[in-house]
Each structure stands twice: as C-alpha cells, then as structure tokens.
Amino acid sequence: MLHQTNRLLLLMESLIVFTTILGAFWRNLISRLFVLIMLGTILKKYEIDITSILNQEFDELEKMKFSKSSD
C-alpha cells in the first residue's frame, strides 16, 4: 500500500513539475515557435504566388526578346 502511495505521490510531483516547466516555457518558447510556424506558412503561400507571378513576367520578357530578334 505504501509503495503505491509513494508512486502516486511521485507521479503527482512529476506532473506538477512538468506543468510548471511547460507553463514557464509557454510564453517564451512555444508562443514564439507558433508565430514562426504561422509566419512560415504564410510566407510559403506567398512565395508560391510570387514565384508564379515572376515566372509569368519572365515568360513575357522571353516572348518580347524572341519577337524583337525575329524582326
């Protein structure tokens, strides 16, 4: 009985320490990681959009080059 009680107390203490550490890092570490992940997702979306726009511009420039060289 005492062995089970000691195990239960150790588990409770471990949970308290874990939640305290997690709470301490929540504002500093996890929230910043969340912001970085969100920014990365947004930037990746716009990177694809910018890449497609730049590809269209380069295609138009190449067409203009070929049309000038054929004249």
N, C-alpha and C. Protein backbone atom coordinates (compact mmCIF):
# COMPACT_ATOMS: atom_id res chain seq x y z
N MET A 1 0.83 -1.20 0.00
CA MET A 1 0.00 0.00 0.00
C MET A 1 0.87 1.26 0.00
N LEU A 2 1.92 1.24 0.83
CA LEU A 2 2.79 2.41 0.91
C LEU A 2 3.55 2.60 -0.40
N HIS A 3 3.91 1.51 -1.04
CA HIS A 3 4.62 1.57 -2.31
C HIS A 3 3.76 2.25 -3.38
N GLN A 4 2.47 1.91 -3.43
CA GLN A 4 1.56 2.52 -4.39
C GLN A 4 1.35 4.00 -4.08
N THR A 5 1.29 4.33 -2.80
CA THR A 5 1.12 5.73 -2.41
C THR A 5 2.34 6.54 -2.81
N ASN A 6 3.54 5.98 -2.60
CA ASN A 6 4.76 6.69 -2.99
C ASN A 6 4.82 6.89 -4.50
N ARG A 7 4.39 5.88 -5.24
CA ARG A 7 4.36 6.00 -6.70
C ARG A 7 3.38 7.09 -7.13
N LEU A 8 2.24 7.11 -6.50
CA LEU A 8 1.23 8.12 -6.83
C LEU A 8 1.74 9.51 -6.51
N LEU A 9 2.39 9.67 -5.36
CA LEU A 9 2.95 10.98 -5.00
C LEU A 9 4.05 11.40 -5.97
N LEU A 10 4.89 10.45 -6.37
CA LEU A 10 5.95 10.76 -7.33
C LEU A 10 5.35 11.18 -8.67
N LEU A 11 4.31 10.50 -9.09
CA LEU A 11 3.64 10.85 -10.34
C LEU A 11 3.03 12.24 -10.25
N MET A 12 2.38 12.54 -9.14
CA MET A 12 1.77 13.86 -8.97
C MET A 12 2.84 14.95 -8.95
N GLU A 13 3.94 14.71 -8.25
CA GLU A 13 5.02 15.69 -8.22
C GLU A 13 5.62 15.89 -9.60
N SER A 14 5.77 14.81 -10.33
CA SER A 14 6.31 14.91 -11.69
C SER A 14 5.38 15.71 -12.59
N LEU A 15 4.09 15.49 -12.45
CA LEU A 15 3.12 16.25 -13.24
C LEU A 15 3.15 17.74 -12.89
N ILE A 16 3.28 18.04 -11.61
CA ILE A 16 3.35 19.44 -11.18
C ILE A 16 4.60 20.11 -11.74
N VAL A 17 5.74 19.41 -11.67
CA VAL A 17 6.98 19.96 -12.21
C VAL A 17 6.87 20.15 -13.72
N PHE A 18 6.32 19.16 -14.39
CA PHE A 18 6.17 19.24 -15.85
C PHE A 18 5.27 20.40 -16.25
N THR A 19 4.14 20.55 -15.58
CA THR A 19 3.24 21.66 -15.93
C THR A 19 3.86 23.01 -15.60
N THR A 20 4.65 23.07 -14.53
CA THR A 20 5.33 24.32 -14.19
C THR A 20 6.36 24.69 -15.25
N ILE A 21 7.14 23.70 -15.67
CA ILE A 21 8.14 23.96 -16.71
C ILE A 21 7.46 24.33 -18.02
N LEU A 22 6.42 23.60 -18.36
CA LEU A 22 5.69 23.90 -19.59
C LEU A 22 5.07 25.29 -19.53
N GLY A 23 4.53 25.66 -18.38
CA GLY A 23 3.96 27.00 -18.23
C GLY A 23 5.01 28.08 -18.34
N ALA A 24 6.21 27.81 -17.82
CA ALA A 24 7.29 28.80 -17.91
C ALA A 24 7.74 28.98 -19.35
N PHE A 25 7.79 27.90 -20.09
CA PHE A 25 8.23 28.00 -21.48
C PHE A 25 7.11 28.42 -22.42
N TRP A 26 5.88 28.36 -21.99
CA TRP A 26 4.75 28.63 -22.88
C TRP A 26 4.86 30.01 -23.49
N ARG A 27 5.07 31.02 -22.65
CA ARG A 27 5.12 32.38 -23.17
C ARG A 27 6.38 32.63 -23.98
N ASN A 28 7.48 32.05 -23.55
CA ASN A 28 8.75 32.36 -24.19
C ASN A 28 9.04 31.49 -25.41
N LEU A 29 8.81 30.22 -25.30
CA LEU A 29 9.25 29.31 -26.35
C LEU A 29 8.13 28.89 -27.28
N ILE A 30 7.07 28.36 -26.71
CA ILE A 30 6.03 27.77 -27.53
C ILE A 30 5.28 28.83 -28.33
N SER A 31 5.00 29.97 -27.72
CA SER A 31 4.29 31.00 -28.47
C SER A 31 5.14 31.54 -29.61
N ARG A 32 6.46 31.65 -29.39
CA ARG A 32 7.34 32.11 -30.48
C ARG A 32 7.43 31.07 -31.58
N LEU A 33 7.49 29.80 -31.20
CA LEU A 33 7.50 28.75 -32.22
C LEU A 33 6.21 28.76 -33.02
N PHE A 34 5.10 28.98 -32.34
CA PHE A 34 3.81 29.05 -33.02
C PHE A 34 3.79 30.20 -34.02
N VAL A 35 4.31 31.36 -33.61
CA VAL A 35 4.36 32.51 -34.51
C VAL A 35 5.26 32.22 -35.70
N LEU A 36 6.41 31.59 -35.45
CA LEU A 36 7.31 31.26 -36.55
C LEU A 36 6.68 30.27 -37.53
N ILE A 37 5.95 29.30 -37.00
CA ILE A 37 5.29 28.33 -37.87
C ILE A 37 4.22 29.03 -38.70
N MET A 38 3.44 29.90 -38.07
CA MET A 38 2.41 30.62 -38.81
C MET A 38 3.02 31.53 -39.87
N LEU A 39 4.09 32.25 -39.52
CA LEU A 39 4.75 33.11 -40.50
C LEU A 39 5.33 32.29 -41.64
N GLY A 40 5.91 31.15 -41.30
CA GLY A 40 6.45 30.29 -42.35
C GLY A 40 5.38 29.80 -43.29
N THR A 41 4.22 29.46 -42.75
CA THR A 41 3.11 29.01 -43.58
C THR A 41 2.63 30.12 -44.49
N ILE A 42 2.49 31.32 -43.93
CA ILE A 42 2.04 32.46 -44.73
C ILE A 42 3.07 32.80 -45.79
N LEU A 43 4.34 32.83 -45.41
CA LEU A 43 5.39 33.17 -46.37
C LEU A 43 5.49 32.12 -47.46
N LYS A 44 5.30 30.86 -47.12
CA LYS A 44 5.36 29.81 -48.14
C LYS A 44 4.22 30.00 -49.13
N LYS A 45 3.05 30.37 -48.65
CA LYS A 45 1.91 30.60 -49.54
C LYS A 45 2.21 31.74 -50.50
N TYR A 46 2.72 32.85 -49.97
CA TYR A 46 3.01 33.99 -50.82
C TYR A 46 4.24 33.75 -51.68
N GLU A 47 5.16 32.91 -51.22
CA GLU A 47 6.32 32.57 -52.05
C GLU A 47 5.87 31.87 -53.32
N ILE A 48 4.90 30.98 -53.19
CA ILE A 48 4.37 30.29 -54.36
C ILE A 48 3.69 31.29 -55.28
N ASP A 49 2.91 32.22 -54.72
CA ASP A 49 2.25 33.23 -55.53
C ASP A 49 3.26 34.11 -56.24
N ILE A 50 4.30 34.55 -55.51
CA ILE A 50 5.32 35.41 -56.10
C ILE A 50 6.09 34.66 -57.17
N THR A 51 6.36 33.38 -56.94
CA THR A 51 7.08 32.58 -57.93
C THR A 51 6.29 32.47 -59.21
N SER A 52 5.00 32.24 -59.11
CA SER A 52 4.19 32.12 -60.32
C SER A 52 4.11 33.46 -61.06
N ILE A 53 4.02 34.55 -60.32
CA ILE A 53 3.99 35.87 -60.96
C ILE A 53 5.31 36.15 -61.66
N LEU A 54 6.43 35.84 -60.99
CA LEU A 54 7.74 36.06 -61.62
C LEU A 54 7.92 35.17 -62.84
N ASN A 55 7.43 33.95 -62.80
CA ASN A 55 7.51 33.08 -63.97
C ASN A 55 6.75 33.67 -65.14
N GLN A 56 5.58 34.23 -64.88
CA GLN A 56 4.81 34.87 -65.94
C GLN A 56 5.56 36.07 -66.52
N GLU A 57 6.17 36.86 -65.65
CA GLU A 57 6.92 38.03 -66.12
C GLU A 57 8.11 37.61 -66.98
N PHE A 58 8.83 36.58 -66.54
CA PHE A 58 9.98 36.12 -67.33
C PHE A 58 9.54 35.52 -68.66
N ASP A 59 8.40 34.85 -68.67
CA ASP A 59 7.88 34.32 -69.93
C ASP A 59 7.56 35.45 -70.89
N GLU A 60 6.95 36.51 -70.37
CA GLU A 60 6.63 37.66 -71.22
C GLU A 60 7.90 38.33 -71.74
N LEU A 61 8.93 38.43 -70.90
CA LEU A 61 10.20 39.01 -71.34
C LEU A 61 10.85 38.16 -72.43
N GLU A 62 10.79 36.86 -72.29
CA GLU A 62 11.35 35.98 -73.32
C GLU A 62 10.58 36.11 -74.62
N LYS A 63 9.27 36.23 -74.54
CA LYS A 63 8.47 36.42 -75.75
C LYS A 63 8.84 37.73 -76.44
N MET A 64 9.05 38.78 -75.62
CA MET A 64 9.44 40.07 -76.20
C MET A 64 10.82 39.96 -76.86
N LYS A 65 11.74 39.23 -76.25
CA LYS A 65 13.08 39.03 -76.83
C LYS A 65 12.99 38.33 -78.18
N PHE A 66 12.20 37.26 -78.22
CA PHE A 66 12.08 36.50 -79.46
C PHE A 66 11.39 37.32 -80.54
N SER A 67 10.41 38.11 -80.15
CA SER A 67 9.72 38.93 -81.16
C SER A 67 10.64 40.02 -81.69
N LYS A 68 11.50 40.59 -80.86
CA LYS A 68 12.46 41.61 -81.31
C LYS A 68 13.55 40.99 -82.18
N SER A 69 14.00 39.80 -81.83
CA SER A 69 15.06 39.16 -82.61
C SER A 69 14.56 38.68 -83.96
N SER A 70 13.29 38.36 -84.07
CA SER A 70 12.73 37.91 -85.35
C SER A 70 12.43 39.09 -86.27
N ASP A 71 12.31 40.30 -85.71
CA ASP A 71 12.03 41.49 -86.54
C ASP A 71 13.21 41.92 -87.27
